[in-house]
């Protein structure tokens, strides 16, 4: 029997080492222990994946958490799960369809009317590499949901955020933004042959440009905004990529994916960190890869492009004149 002990020991060491390596690669738990009792947080796309786990983490820290989702059945179920797991009853579900400007305006109006404050806005919701769909208002789906919807939502809630300062806005971008290019002449893919991967990368680059430009327009307000690549996670976001249906991906690349791809729980740690960490007070206009600040793609640093994208975005969503006050005028 002793002859089996060494192989078993080696196997146990290998498995344990793999788990530790995976945790290291994935980034680990949020290093901040800060709590947010009395603060109100909005997380978009919070019925599943990173959004749900972010909402869970922030509810554990005492926040009044609003889950903002399109599918209310799933949203209510997620809110119940979070209330049950955290015993925090200040977790609610609200309808928000980021593919509808009307829905975004209705959601924001309700928040402004019913909530005393908004301390943290986590712009998490996204679609990835979907077919060539359009939103209710005719925008290319990925650009409309991932970027334009959050652009409008953020602007509509800015006065509430400023009144609640210090407040934070967190835009979930992606490492994919480095492969993106913003075509101001054809943002909605009406002239070019549609490329779903390129459209996704454009939407995530637009979020980083928006983060940089908004930060430049918010000095002295007490509101900060940062962009984040949370890491690659096992969520429903990749349902249109075909990866889950690929035998090669599942069996040949499975061990690599297991090591490098985060669970939703681990992928939610960086957004939690940006929402609560005391050491990030006043930090704004930055791009984070996990817990670490990094330089984004060169195109994301183009101030002229960011300003032009801002103006075109405001026109597309119907924000006329100076956007949300004098402090936002450059």
C-alpha atoms as a PDB file:
ATOM      1  CA  UNK A   1       0.000   0.000   0.000  1.00  0.00           C
ATOM      2  CA  UNK A   2       2.937   2.310   0.715  1.00  0.00           C
ATOM      3  CA  UNK A   3       3.861   2.278  -2.957  1.00  0.00           C
ATOM      4  CA  UNK A   4       0.685   4.343  -3.628  1.00  0.00           C
ATOM      5  CA  UNK A   5       1.489   6.984  -1.029  1.00  0.00           C
ATOM      6  CA  UNK A   6       4.188   8.767  -3.035  1.00  0.00           C
ATOM      7  CA  UNK A   7       2.150   9.045  -6.249  1.00  0.00           C
ATOM      8  CA  UNK A   8      -0.856  10.218  -4.239  1.00  0.00           C
ATOM      9  CA  UNK A   9       1.298  12.768  -2.452  1.00  0.00           C
ATOM     10  CA  UNK A  10       2.758  13.998  -5.742  1.00  0.00           C
ATOM     11  CA  UNK A  11      -0.728  14.209  -7.257  1.00  0.00           C
ATOM     12  CA  UNK A  12      -2.006  16.136  -4.244  1.00  0.00           C
ATOM     13  CA  UNK A  13       0.922  18.539  -4.419  1.00  0.00           C
ATOM     14  CA  UNK A  14       0.381  19.050  -8.163  1.00  0.00           C
ATOM     15  CA  UNK A  15      -3.335  19.710  -7.745  1.00  0.00           C
ATOM     16  CA  UNK A  16      -2.724  22.065  -4.841  1.00  0.00           C
ATOM     17  CA  UNK A  17      -0.030  23.875  -6.794  1.00  0.00           C
ATOM     18  CA  UNK A  18      -2.345  24.225  -9.778  1.00  0.00           C
ATOM     19  CA  UNK A  19      -5.064  25.714  -7.592  1.00  0.00           C
ATOM     20  CA  UNK A  20      -2.620  28.189  -6.052  1.00  0.00           C
ATOM     21  CA  UNK A  21      -1.243  29.087  -9.494  1.00  0.00           C
ATOM     22  CA  UNK A  22      -4.754  29.597 -10.820  1.00  0.00           C
ATOM     23  CA  UNK A  23      -5.559  31.881  -7.892  1.00  0.00           C
ATOM     24  CA  UNK A  24      -2.354  33.834  -8.522  1.00  0.00           C
ATOM     25  CA  UNK A  25      -3.034  34.178 -12.246  1.00  0.00           C
ATOM     26  CA  UNK A  26      -6.645  35.136 -11.558  1.00  0.00           C
ATOM     27  CA  UNK A  27      -5.626  37.888  -9.138  1.00  0.00           C
ATOM     28  CA  UNK A  28      -7.075  36.661  -5.860  1.00  0.00           C
ATOM     29  CA  UNK A  29      -9.475  38.357  -3.465  1.00  0.00           C
ATOM     30  CA  UNK A  30     -10.059  42.096  -3.135  1.00  0.00           C
ATOM     31  CA  UNK A  31      -7.214  43.451  -0.967  1.00  0.00           C
ATOM     32  CA  UNK A  32      -9.425  46.102   0.632  1.00  0.00           C
ATOM     33  CA  UNK A  33     -11.559  45.295   3.675  1.00  0.00           C
ATOM     34  CA  UNK A  34     -13.446  48.609   3.532  1.00  0.00           C
ATOM     35  CA  UNK A  35     -17.182  48.573   4.176  1.00  0.00           C
ATOM     36  CA  UNK A  36     -19.819  50.817   2.575  1.00  0.00           C
ATOM     37  CA  UNK A  37     -22.654  50.957   5.100  1.00  0.00           C
ATOM     38  CA  UNK A  38     -25.061  53.767   4.224  1.00  0.00           C
ATOM     39  CA  UNK A  39     -23.892  53.992   0.605  1.00  0.00           C
ATOM     40  CA  UNK A  40     -26.042  53.285  -2.438  1.00  0.00           C
ATOM     41  CA  UNK A  41     -24.600  51.299  -5.321  1.00  0.00           C
ATOM     42  CA  UNK A  42     -26.024  50.616  -8.784  1.00  0.00           C
ATOM     43  CA  UNK A  43     -24.694  47.630 -10.742  1.00  0.00           C
ATOM     44  CA  UNK A  44     -25.913  47.158 -14.304  1.00  0.00           C
ATOM     45  CA  UNK A  45     -26.266  43.649 -15.692  1.00  0.00           C
ATOM     46  CA  UNK A  46     -26.292  42.258 -12.158  1.00  0.00           C
ATOM     47  CA  UNK A  47     -28.515  39.205 -12.628  1.00  0.00           C
ATOM     48  CA  UNK A  48     -25.612  36.926 -13.568  1.00  0.00           C
ATOM     49  CA  UNK A  49     -21.839  36.626 -13.933  1.00  0.00           C
ATOM     50  CA  UNK A  50     -19.473  39.361 -12.800  1.00  0.00           C
ATOM     51  CA  UNK A  51     -22.322  41.798 -12.196  1.00  0.00           C
ATOM     52  CA  UNK A  52     -24.145  39.494  -9.787  1.00  0.00           C
ATOM     53  CA  UNK A  53     -20.963  38.668  -7.922  1.00  0.00           C
ATOM     54  CA  UNK A  54     -20.012  42.355  -7.696  1.00  0.00           C
ATOM     55  CA  UNK A  55     -23.450  43.138  -6.275  1.00  0.00           C
ATOM     56  CA  UNK A  56     -23.026  40.268  -3.805  1.00  0.00           C
ATOM     57  CA  UNK A  57     -19.612  41.516  -2.655  1.00  0.00           C
ATOM     58  CA  UNK A  58     -20.901  45.068  -2.173  1.00  0.00           C
ATOM     59  CA  UNK A  59     -23.990  43.843  -0.331  1.00  0.00           C
ATOM     60  CA  UNK A  60     -21.699  41.893   2.006  1.00  0.00           C
ATOM     61  CA  UNK A  61     -19.965  45.178   2.770  1.00  0.00           C
ATOM     62  CA  UNK A  62     -23.212  46.797   3.864  1.00  0.00           C
ATOM     63  CA  UNK A  63     -24.243  48.719   0.768  1.00  0.00           C
ATOM     64  CA  UNK A  64     -27.727  49.533  -0.416  1.00  0.00           C
ATOM     65  CA  UNK A  65     -27.409  47.706  -3.741  1.00  0.00           C
ATOM     66  CA  UNK A  66     -29.623  48.213  -6.792  1.00  0.00           C
ATOM     67  CA  UNK A  67     -29.465  45.495  -9.444  1.00  0.00           C
ATOM     68  CA  UNK A  68     -30.266  47.086 -12.805  1.00  0.00           C
ATOM     69  CA  UNK A  69     -31.226  44.466 -15.395  1.00  0.00           C
ATOM     70  CA  UNK A  70     -33.288  43.869 -18.513  1.00  0.00           C
ATOM     71  CA  UNK A  71     -34.707  40.470 -17.484  1.00  0.00           C
ATOM     72  CA  UNK A  72     -36.696  41.203 -14.336  1.00  0.00           C
ATOM     73  CA  UNK A  73     -37.407  37.556 -13.525  1.00  0.00           C
ATOM     74  CA  UNK A  74     -33.688  36.807 -13.385  1.00  0.00           C
ATOM     75  CA  UNK A  75     -33.005  40.117 -11.650  1.00  0.00           C
ATOM     76  CA  UNK A  76     -35.512  39.431  -8.870  1.00  0.00           C
ATOM     77  CA  UNK A  77     -34.084  35.932  -8.437  1.00  0.00           C
ATOM     78  CA  UNK A  78     -30.543  37.327  -8.183  1.00  0.00           C
ATOM     79  CA  UNK A  79     -31.663  39.917  -5.627  1.00  0.00           C
ATOM     80  CA  UNK A  80     -33.298  37.165  -3.543  1.00  0.00           C
ATOM     81  CA  UNK A  81     -30.131  35.073  -3.726  1.00  0.00           C
ATOM     82  CA  UNK A  82     -27.990  37.991  -2.585  1.00  0.00           C
ATOM     83  CA  UNK A  83     -30.342  38.953   0.247  1.00  0.00           C
ATOM     84  CA  UNK A  84     -30.378  35.341   1.436  1.00  0.00           C
ATOM     85  CA  UNK A  85     -26.607  34.895   1.282  1.00  0.00           C
ATOM     86  CA  UNK A  86     -25.643  38.236   2.827  1.00  0.00           C
ATOM     87  CA  UNK A  87     -28.646  38.822   5.127  1.00  0.00           C
ATOM     88  CA  UNK A  88     -28.596  42.357   3.741  1.00  0.00           C
ATOM     89  CA  UNK A  89     -32.164  43.254   2.905  1.00  0.00           C
ATOM     90  CA  UNK A  90     -31.194  46.498   1.193  1.00  0.00           C
ATOM     91  CA  UNK A  91     -30.814  44.734  -2.145  1.00  0.00           C
ATOM     92  CA  UNK A  92     -33.391  45.554  -4.810  1.00  0.00           C
ATOM     93  CA  UNK A  93     -34.111  44.811  -8.469  1.00  0.00           C
ATOM     94  CA  UNK A  94     -34.919  47.525 -11.016  1.00  0.00           C
ATOM     95  CA  UNK A  95     -35.689  47.262 -14.707  1.00  0.00           C
ATOM     96  CA  UNK A  96     -33.067  48.705 -17.065  1.00  0.00           C
ATOM     97  CA  UNK A  97     -32.766  47.848 -20.746  1.00  0.00           C
ATOM     98  CA  UNK A  98     -29.564  49.432 -22.051  1.00  0.00           C
ATOM     99  CA  UNK A  99     -30.743  48.763 -25.602  1.00  0.00           C
ATOM    100  CA  UNK A 100     -33.518  51.328 -25.090  1.00  0.00           C
ATOM    101  CA  UNK A 101     -32.927  55.041 -24.486  1.00  0.00           C
ATOM    102  CA  UNK A 102     -36.491  55.263 -23.165  1.00  0.00           C
ATOM    103  CA  UNK A 103     -35.819  52.560 -20.583  1.00  0.00           C
ATOM    104  CA  UNK A 104     -32.569  54.236 -19.510  1.00  0.00           C
ATOM    105  CA  UNK A 105     -34.331  57.564 -18.996  1.00  0.00           C
ATOM    106  CA  UNK A 106     -37.142  55.914 -17.032  1.00  0.00           C
ATOM    107  CA  UNK A 107     -34.682  54.046 -14.808  1.00  0.00           C
ATOM    108  CA  UNK A 108     -32.645  57.182 -14.101  1.00  0.00           C
ATOM    109  CA  UNK A 109     -35.761  59.246 -13.374  1.00  0.00           C
ATOM    110  CA  UNK A 110     -36.937  56.656 -10.842  1.00  0.00           C
ATOM    111  CA  UNK A 111     -33.542  56.527  -9.125  1.00  0.00           C
ATOM    112  CA  UNK A 112     -33.369  60.322  -8.928  1.00  0.00           C
ATOM    113  CA  UNK A 113     -36.869  60.468  -7.461  1.00  0.00           C
ATOM    114  CA  UNK A 114     -36.637  57.591  -4.992  1.00  0.00           C
ATOM    115  CA  UNK A 115     -33.011  57.414  -3.862  1.00  0.00           C
ATOM    116  CA  UNK A 116     -31.482  59.958  -1.507  1.00  0.00           C
ATOM    117  CA  UNK A 117     -28.027  59.327  -2.891  1.00  0.00           C
ATOM    118  CA  UNK A 118     -25.966  57.335  -5.396  1.00  0.00           C
ATOM    119  CA  UNK A 119     -22.411  56.723  -4.240  1.00  0.00           C
ATOM    120  CA  UNK A 120     -21.181  54.142  -6.736  1.00  0.00           C
ATOM    121  CA  UNK A 121     -22.236  53.390 -10.316  1.00  0.00           C
ATOM    122  CA  UNK A 122     -20.819  50.166 -11.760  1.00  0.00           C
ATOM    123  CA  UNK A 123     -21.369  50.113 -15.524  1.00  0.00           C
ATOM    124  CA  UNK A 124     -20.978  46.363 -15.906  1.00  0.00           C
ATOM    125  CA  UNK A 125     -23.580  45.120 -18.407  1.00  0.00           C
ATOM    126  CA  UNK A 126     -22.365  44.012 -21.824  1.00  0.00           C
ATOM    127  CA  UNK A 127     -23.029  41.889 -24.864  1.00  0.00           C
ATOM    128  CA  UNK A 128     -20.180  40.240 -26.728  1.00  0.00           C
ATOM    129  CA  UNK A 129     -19.776  39.217 -30.361  1.00  0.00           C
ATOM    130  CA  UNK A 130     -23.491  38.903 -31.013  1.00  0.00           C
ATOM    131  CA  UNK A 131     -24.945  38.778 -34.551  1.00  0.00           C
ATOM    132  CA  UNK A 132     -25.537  42.081 -36.367  1.00  0.00           C
ATOM    133  CA  UNK A 133     -28.409  43.178 -34.175  1.00  0.00           C
ATOM    134  CA  UNK A 134     -29.563  46.736 -33.500  1.00  0.00           C
ATOM    135  CA  UNK A 135     -31.004  48.364 -30.423  1.00  0.00           C
ATOM    136  CA  UNK A 136     -34.506  49.791 -30.129  1.00  0.00           C
ATOM    137  CA  UNK A 137     -33.092  53.111 -31.326  1.00  0.00           C
ATOM    138  CA  UNK A 138     -31.166  51.682 -34.280  1.00  0.00           C
ATOM    139  CA  UNK A 139     -27.650  51.530 -32.828  1.00  0.00           C
ATOM    140  CA  UNK A 140     -25.367  48.555 -33.435  1.00  0.00           C
ATOM    141  CA  UNK A 141     -26.082  46.343 -30.416  1.00  0.00           C
ATOM    142  CA  UNK A 142     -22.602  46.128 -28.884  1.00  0.00           C
ATOM    143  CA  UNK A 143     -21.891  49.831 -29.305  1.00  0.00           C
ATOM    144  CA  UNK A 144     -25.388  50.679 -28.063  1.00  0.00           C
ATOM    145  CA  UNK A 145     -25.461  48.471 -24.959  1.00  0.00           C
ATOM    146  CA  UNK A 146     -21.818  48.356 -23.905  1.00  0.00           C
ATOM    147  CA  UNK A 147     -21.073  52.034 -24.473  1.00  0.00           C
ATOM    148  CA  UNK A 148     -23.874  54.391 -25.529  1.00  0.00           C
ATOM    149  CA  UNK A 149     -26.373  53.107 -22.972  1.00  0.00           C
ATOM    150  CA  UNK A 150     -23.883  53.573 -20.162  1.00  0.00           C
ATOM    151  CA  UNK A 151     -22.862  56.963 -21.575  1.00  0.00           C
ATOM    152  CA  UNK A 152     -26.457  58.187 -21.261  1.00  0.00           C
ATOM    153  CA  UNK A 153     -27.097  56.510 -17.913  1.00  0.00           C
ATOM    154  CA  UNK A 154     -23.991  58.057 -16.396  1.00  0.00           C
ATOM    155  CA  UNK A 155     -24.906  61.535 -17.581  1.00  0.00           C
ATOM    156  CA  UNK A 156     -28.457  61.267 -16.264  1.00  0.00           C
ATOM    157  CA  UNK A 157     -27.180  60.246 -12.816  1.00  0.00           C
ATOM    158  CA  UNK A 158     -24.268  62.708 -12.600  1.00  0.00           C
ATOM    159  CA  UNK A 159     -26.110  65.317 -10.571  1.00  0.00           C
ATOM    160  CA  UNK A 160     -27.109  62.664  -8.028  1.00  0.00           C
ATOM    161  CA  UNK A 161     -23.544  61.353  -7.912  1.00  0.00           C
ATOM    162  CA  UNK A 162     -22.127  64.850  -7.413  1.00  0.00           C
ATOM    163  CA  UNK A 163     -24.624  65.519  -4.636  1.00  0.00           C
ATOM    164  CA  UNK A 164     -23.436  62.290  -2.962  1.00  0.00           C
ATOM    165  CA  UNK A 165     -19.708  63.018  -3.339  1.00  0.00           C
ATOM    166  CA  UNK A 166     -17.276  61.499  -2.838  1.00  0.00           C
ATOM    167  CA  UNK A 167     -18.724  59.146  -5.446  1.00  0.00           C
ATOM    168  CA  UNK A 168     -17.300  56.693  -7.953  1.00  0.00           C
ATOM    169  CA  UNK A 169     -18.084  55.514 -11.476  1.00  0.00           C
ATOM    170  CA  UNK A 170     -16.574  52.231 -12.662  1.00  0.00           C
ATOM    171  CA  UNK A 171     -16.689  51.333 -16.354  1.00  0.00           C
ATOM    172  CA  UNK A 172     -16.024  47.694 -17.133  1.00  0.00           C
ATOM    173  CA  UNK A 173     -14.001  47.671 -20.315  1.00  0.00           C
ATOM    174  CA  UNK A 174     -11.814  44.823 -21.541  1.00  0.00           C
ATOM    175  CA  UNK A 175      -8.292  44.029 -22.614  1.00  0.00           C
ATOM    176  CA  UNK A 176      -9.944  43.671 -26.031  1.00  0.00           C
ATOM    177  CA  UNK A 177      -9.979  47.469 -26.272  1.00  0.00           C
ATOM    178  CA  UNK A 178      -6.339  47.302 -27.424  1.00  0.00           C
ATOM    179  CA  UNK A 179      -7.554  45.733 -30.688  1.00  0.00           C
ATOM    180  CA  UNK A 180     -10.296  48.325 -31.083  1.00  0.00           C
ATOM    181  CA  UNK A 181     -10.624  51.298 -33.388  1.00  0.00           C
ATOM    182  CA  UNK A 182     -13.297  53.985 -33.129  1.00  0.00           C
ATOM    183  CA  UNK A 183     -14.601  54.928 -36.568  1.00  0.00           C
ATOM    184  CA  UNK A 184     -16.432  58.204 -36.028  1.00  0.00           C
ATOM    185  CA  UNK A 185     -17.747  58.079 -39.592  1.00  0.00           C
ATOM    186  CA  UNK A 186     -19.394  54.692 -39.094  1.00  0.00           C
ATOM    187  CA  UNK A 187     -19.888  53.962 -35.409  1.00  0.00           C
ATOM    188  CA  UNK A 188     -22.933  51.792 -36.099  1.00  0.00           C
ATOM    189  CA  UNK A 189     -21.484  49.671 -38.922  1.00  0.00           C
ATOM    190  CA  UNK A 190     -23.844  50.985 -41.576  1.00  0.00           C
ATOM    191  CA  UNK A 191     -21.169  51.369 -44.281  1.00  0.00           C
ATOM    192  CA  UNK A 192     -18.684  48.624 -43.495  1.00  0.00           C
ATOM    193  CA  UNK A 193     -19.109  44.862 -43.621  1.00  0.00           C
ATOM    194  CA  UNK A 194     -20.075  43.882 -40.112  1.00  0.00           C
ATOM    195  CA  UNK A 195     -17.324  42.344 -37.979  1.00  0.00           C
ATOM    196  CA  UNK A 196     -18.730  41.281 -34.616  1.00  0.00           C
ATOM    197  CA  UNK A 197     -15.287  40.989 -32.971  1.00  0.00           C
ATOM    198  CA  UNK A 198     -14.204  44.427 -34.186  1.00  0.00           C
ATOM    199  CA  UNK A 199     -17.542  45.890 -33.045  1.00  0.00           C
ATOM    200  CA  UNK A 200     -16.993  44.495 -29.543  1.00  0.00           C
ATOM    201  CA  UNK A 201     -13.458  45.887 -29.395  1.00  0.00           C
ATOM    202  CA  UNK A 202     -14.710  49.296 -30.577  1.00  0.00           C
ATOM    203  CA  UNK A 203     -17.332  49.400 -27.819  1.00  0.00           C
ATOM    204  CA  UNK A 204     -14.752  48.613 -25.140  1.00  0.00           C
ATOM    205  CA  UNK A 205     -12.296  51.189 -26.498  1.00  0.00           C
ATOM    206  CA  UNK A 206     -15.114  53.750 -26.490  1.00  0.00           C
ATOM    207  CA  UNK A 207     -15.623  53.061 -22.779  1.00  0.00           C
ATOM    208  CA  UNK A 208     -11.981  53.845 -22.006  1.00  0.00           C
ATOM    209  CA  UNK A 209     -12.112  57.036 -24.096  1.00  0.00           C
ATOM    210  CA  UNK A 210     -15.308  58.025 -22.262  1.00  0.00           C
ATOM    211  CA  UNK A 211     -13.638  57.336 -18.909  1.00  0.00           C
ATOM    212  CA  UNK A 212     -10.706  59.583 -19.778  1.00  0.00           C
ATOM    213  CA  UNK A 213     -12.871  62.404 -21.140  1.00  0.00           C
ATOM    214  CA  UNK A 214     -15.382  62.325 -18.281  1.00  0.00           C
ATOM    215  CA  UNK A 215     -12.538  62.480 -15.768  1.00  0.00           C
ATOM    216  CA  UNK A 216     -11.194  65.587 -17.506  1.00  0.00           C
ATOM    217  CA  UNK A 217     -14.609  67.200 -17.119  1.00  0.00           C
ATOM    218  CA  UNK A 218     -15.124  66.373 -13.425  1.00  0.00           C
ATOM    219  CA  UNK A 219     -12.311  68.138 -11.511  1.00  0.00           C
ATOM    220  CA  UNK A 220     -13.372  69.456  -8.137  1.00  0.00           C
ATOM    221  CA  UNK A 221     -16.694  67.589  -8.117  1.00  0.00           C
ATOM    222  CA  UNK A 222     -15.662  64.745  -5.828  1.00  0.00           C
ATOM    223  CA  UNK A 223     -16.741  62.231  -8.471  1.00  0.00           C
ATOM    224  CA  UNK A 224     -14.115  59.887  -9.884  1.00  0.00           C
ATOM    225  CA  UNK A 225     -14.326  57.570 -12.885  1.00  0.00           C
ATOM    226  CA  UNK A 226     -12.070  54.678 -13.825  1.00  0.00           C
ATOM    227  CA  UNK A 227     -12.089  51.906 -16.418  1.00  0.00           C
ATOM    228  CA  UNK A 228     -11.355  48.281 -15.677  1.00  0.00           C
ATOM    229  CA  UNK A 229     -10.414  45.026 -17.363  1.00  0.00           C
ATOM    230  CA  UNK A 230     -11.702  42.471 -14.831  1.00  0.00           C
ATOM    231  CA  UNK A 231     -10.024  39.510 -16.514  1.00  0.00           C
ATOM    232  CA  UNK A 232     -11.459  36.759 -18.673  1.00  0.00           C
ATOM    233  CA  UNK A 233     -14.247  35.004 -16.800  1.00  0.00           C
ATOM    234  CA  UNK A 234     -16.523  32.018 -17.225  1.00  0.00           C
ATOM    235  CA  UNK A 235     -19.801  33.853 -17.739  1.00  0.00           C
ATOM    236  CA  UNK A 236     -22.709  33.995 -20.171  1.00  0.00           C
ATOM    237  CA  UNK A 237     -21.007  36.923 -21.931  1.00  0.00           C
ATOM    238  CA  UNK A 238     -19.215  34.583 -24.328  1.00  0.00           C
ATOM    239  CA  UNK A 239     -22.334  32.692 -25.403  1.00  0.00           C
ATOM    240  CA  UNK A 240     -22.159  34.063 -28.963  1.00  0.00           C
ATOM    241  CA  UNK A 241     -18.498  33.167 -29.552  1.00  0.00           C
ATOM    242  CA  UNK A 242     -19.075  29.456 -30.186  1.00  0.00           C
ATOM    243  CA  UNK A 243     -16.317  28.554 -27.725  1.00  0.00           C
ATOM    244  CA  UNK A 244     -18.699  26.641 -25.441  1.00  0.00           C
ATOM    245  CA  UNK A 245     -19.961  24.554 -28.383  1.00  0.00           C
ATOM    246  CA  UNK A 246     -16.491  23.670 -29.637  1.00  0.00           C
ATOM    247  CA  UNK A 247     -15.266  20.152 -28.846  1.00  0.00           C
ATOM    248  CA  UNK A 248     -11.683  21.269 -29.477  1.00  0.00           C
ATOM    249  CA  UNK A 249     -12.008  24.179 -27.046  1.00  0.00           C
ATOM    250  CA  UNK A 250     -13.724  22.058 -24.402  1.00  0.00           C
ATOM    251  CA  UNK A 251     -11.351  19.099 -24.380  1.00  0.00           C
ATOM    252  CA  UNK A 252      -8.048  20.202 -25.891  1.00  0.00           C
ATOM    253  CA  UNK A 253      -7.877  23.704 -24.413  1.00  0.00           C
ATOM    254  CA  UNK A 254      -9.983  22.933 -21.328  1.00  0.00           C
ATOM    255  CA  UNK A 255      -7.063  22.650 -18.862  1.00  0.00           C
ATOM    256  CA  UNK A 256      -5.575  25.937 -20.122  1.00  0.00           C
ATOM    257  CA  UNK A 257      -8.936  27.692 -19.834  1.00  0.00           C
ATOM    258  CA  UNK A 258      -9.365  26.306 -16.318  1.00  0.00           C
ATOM    259  CA  UNK A 259      -6.039  27.786 -15.279  1.00  0.00           C
ATOM    260  CA  UNK A 260      -6.329  31.179 -16.949  1.00  0.00           C
ATOM    261  CA  UNK A 261     -10.062  31.922 -16.923  1.00  0.00           C
ATOM    262  CA  UNK A 262     -11.521  33.374 -13.745  1.00  0.00           C
ATOM    263  CA  UNK A 263     -14.663  32.351 -11.952  1.00  0.00           C
ATOM    264  CA  UNK A 264     -17.269  35.157 -11.808  1.00  0.00           C
ATOM    265  CA  UNK A 265     -16.491  35.469  -8.088  1.00  0.00           C
ATOM    266  CA  UNK A 266     -12.799  36.157  -8.721  1.00  0.00           C
ATOM    267  CA  UNK A 267     -13.547  38.374 -11.713  1.00  0.00           C
ATOM    268  CA  UNK A 268     -15.758  40.548  -9.483  1.00  0.00           C
ATOM    269  CA  UNK A 269     -12.925  41.316  -7.068  1.00  0.00           C
ATOM    270  CA  UNK A 270     -11.334  44.150  -9.120  1.00  0.00           C
ATOM    271  CA  UNK A 271     -14.642  46.012  -9.564  1.00  0.00           C
ATOM    272  CA  UNK A 272     -15.273  45.575  -5.848  1.00  0.00           C
ATOM    273  CA  UNK A 273     -11.811  46.999  -5.173  1.00  0.00           C
ATOM    274  CA  UNK A 274     -12.414  50.059  -7.353  1.00  0.00           C
ATOM    275  CA  UNK A 275     -15.755  50.607  -5.618  1.00  0.00           C
ATOM    276  CA  UNK A 276     -14.556  50.463  -2.010  1.00  0.00           C
ATOM    277  CA  UNK A 277     -10.779  50.867  -1.634  1.00  0.00           C
ATOM    278  CA  UNK A 278      -9.908  53.854   0.522  1.00  0.00           C
ATOM    279  CA  UNK A 279      -6.506  54.171  -1.151  1.00  0.00           C
ATOM    280  CA  UNK A 280      -8.262  54.937  -4.452  1.00  0.00           C
ATOM    281  CA  UNK A 281     -10.011  58.019  -3.088  1.00  0.00           C
ATOM    282  CA  UNK A 282      -9.474  60.782  -5.643  1.00  0.00           C
ATOM    283  CA  UNK A 283      -7.940  58.475  -8.266  1.00  0.00           C
ATOM    284  CA  UNK A 284      -9.651  59.180 -11.588  1.00  0.00           C
ATOM    285  CA  UNK A 285      -9.293  58.756 -15.332  1.00  0.00           C
ATOM    286  CA  UNK A 286      -7.223  55.588 -14.997  1.00  0.00           C
ATOM    287  CA  UNK A 287      -7.342  52.166 -16.598  1.00  0.00           C
ATOM    288  CA  UNK A 288      -6.957  49.128 -14.336  1.00  0.00           C
ATOM    289  CA  UNK A 289      -6.046  45.596 -15.326  1.00  0.00           C
ATOM    290  CA  UNK A 290      -7.298  43.680 -12.327  1.00  0.00           C
ATOM    291  CA  UNK A 291      -6.071  45.508  -9.231  1.00  0.00           C
ATOM    292  CA  UNK A 292      -3.229  47.312 -10.959  1.00  0.00           C
ATOM    293  CA  UNK A 293      -3.280  50.595 -12.858  1.00  0.00           C
ATOM    294  CA  UNK A 294      -1.865  50.179 -16.354  1.00  0.00           C
ATOM    295  CA  UNK A 295      -1.508  52.221 -19.502  1.00  0.00           C
ATOM    296  CA  UNK A 296      -4.346  51.591 -21.968  1.00  0.00           C
ATOM    297  CA  UNK A 297      -3.954  51.318 -25.731  1.00  0.00           C
ATOM    298  CA  UNK A 298      -2.472  54.424 -27.422  1.00  0.00           C
ATOM    299  CA  UNK A 299      -5.787  55.221 -29.141  1.00  0.00           C
ATOM    300  CA  UNK A 300      -7.444  55.351 -25.711  1.00  0.00           C
ATOM    301  CA  UNK A 301      -5.128  58.257 -24.821  1.00  0.00           C
ATOM    302  CA  UNK A 302      -6.166  60.362 -27.839  1.00  0.00           C
ATOM    303  CA  UNK A 303      -7.792  63.429 -26.280  1.00  0.00           C
ATOM    304  CA  UNK A 304      -9.068  64.821 -29.563  1.00  0.00           C
ATOM    305  CA  UNK A 305     -10.724  61.518 -30.432  1.00  0.00           C
ATOM    306  CA  UNK A 306     -12.251  61.301 -26.953  1.00  0.00           C
ATOM    307  CA  UNK A 307     -13.696  64.799 -27.256  1.00  0.00           C
ATOM    308  CA  UNK A 308     -15.138  64.111 -30.710  1.00  0.00           C
ATOM    309  CA  UNK A 309     -16.608  60.782 -29.565  1.00  0.00           C
ATOM    310  CA  UNK A 310     -18.187  62.575 -26.597  1.00  0.00           C
ATOM    311  CA  UNK A 311     -19.864  65.137 -28.852  1.00  0.00           C
ATOM    312  CA  UNK A 312     -21.138  62.500 -31.279  1.00  0.00           C
ATOM    313  CA  UNK A 313     -22.382  60.288 -28.447  1.00  0.00           C
ATOM    314  CA  UNK A 314     -24.268  63.185 -26.886  1.00  0.00           C
ATOM    315  CA  UNK A 315     -25.897  63.873 -30.245  1.00  0.00           C
ATOM    316  CA  UNK A 316     -26.856  60.233 -30.762  1.00  0.00           C
ATOM    317  CA  UNK A 317     -28.555  59.870 -27.365  1.00  0.00           C
ATOM    318  CA  UNK A 318     -30.235  63.272 -27.507  1.00  0.00           C
ATOM    319  CA  UNK A 319     -28.267  65.211 -24.917  1.00  0.00           C
ATOM    320  CA  UNK A 320     -28.425  68.771 -26.190  1.00  0.00           C
ATOM    321  CA  UNK A 321     -26.240  71.720 -25.263  1.00  0.00           C
ATOM    322  CA  UNK A 322     -23.644  71.577 -22.438  1.00  0.00           C
ATOM    323  CA  UNK A 323     -23.911  68.099 -20.967  1.00  0.00           C
ATOM    324  CA  UNK A 324     -24.975  68.060 -17.328  1.00  0.00           C
ATOM    325  CA  UNK A 325     -23.696  71.355 -16.096  1.00  0.00           C
ATOM    326  CA  UNK A 326     -20.873  73.840 -16.415  1.00  0.00           C
ATOM    327  CA  UNK A 327     -18.265  71.539 -14.857  1.00  0.00           C
ATOM    328  CA  UNK A 328     -18.654  69.205 -17.822  1.00  0.00           C
ATOM    329  CA  UNK A 329     -17.835  71.820 -20.431  1.00  0.00           C
ATOM    330  CA  UNK A 330     -14.284  71.837 -21.772  1.00  0.00           C
END
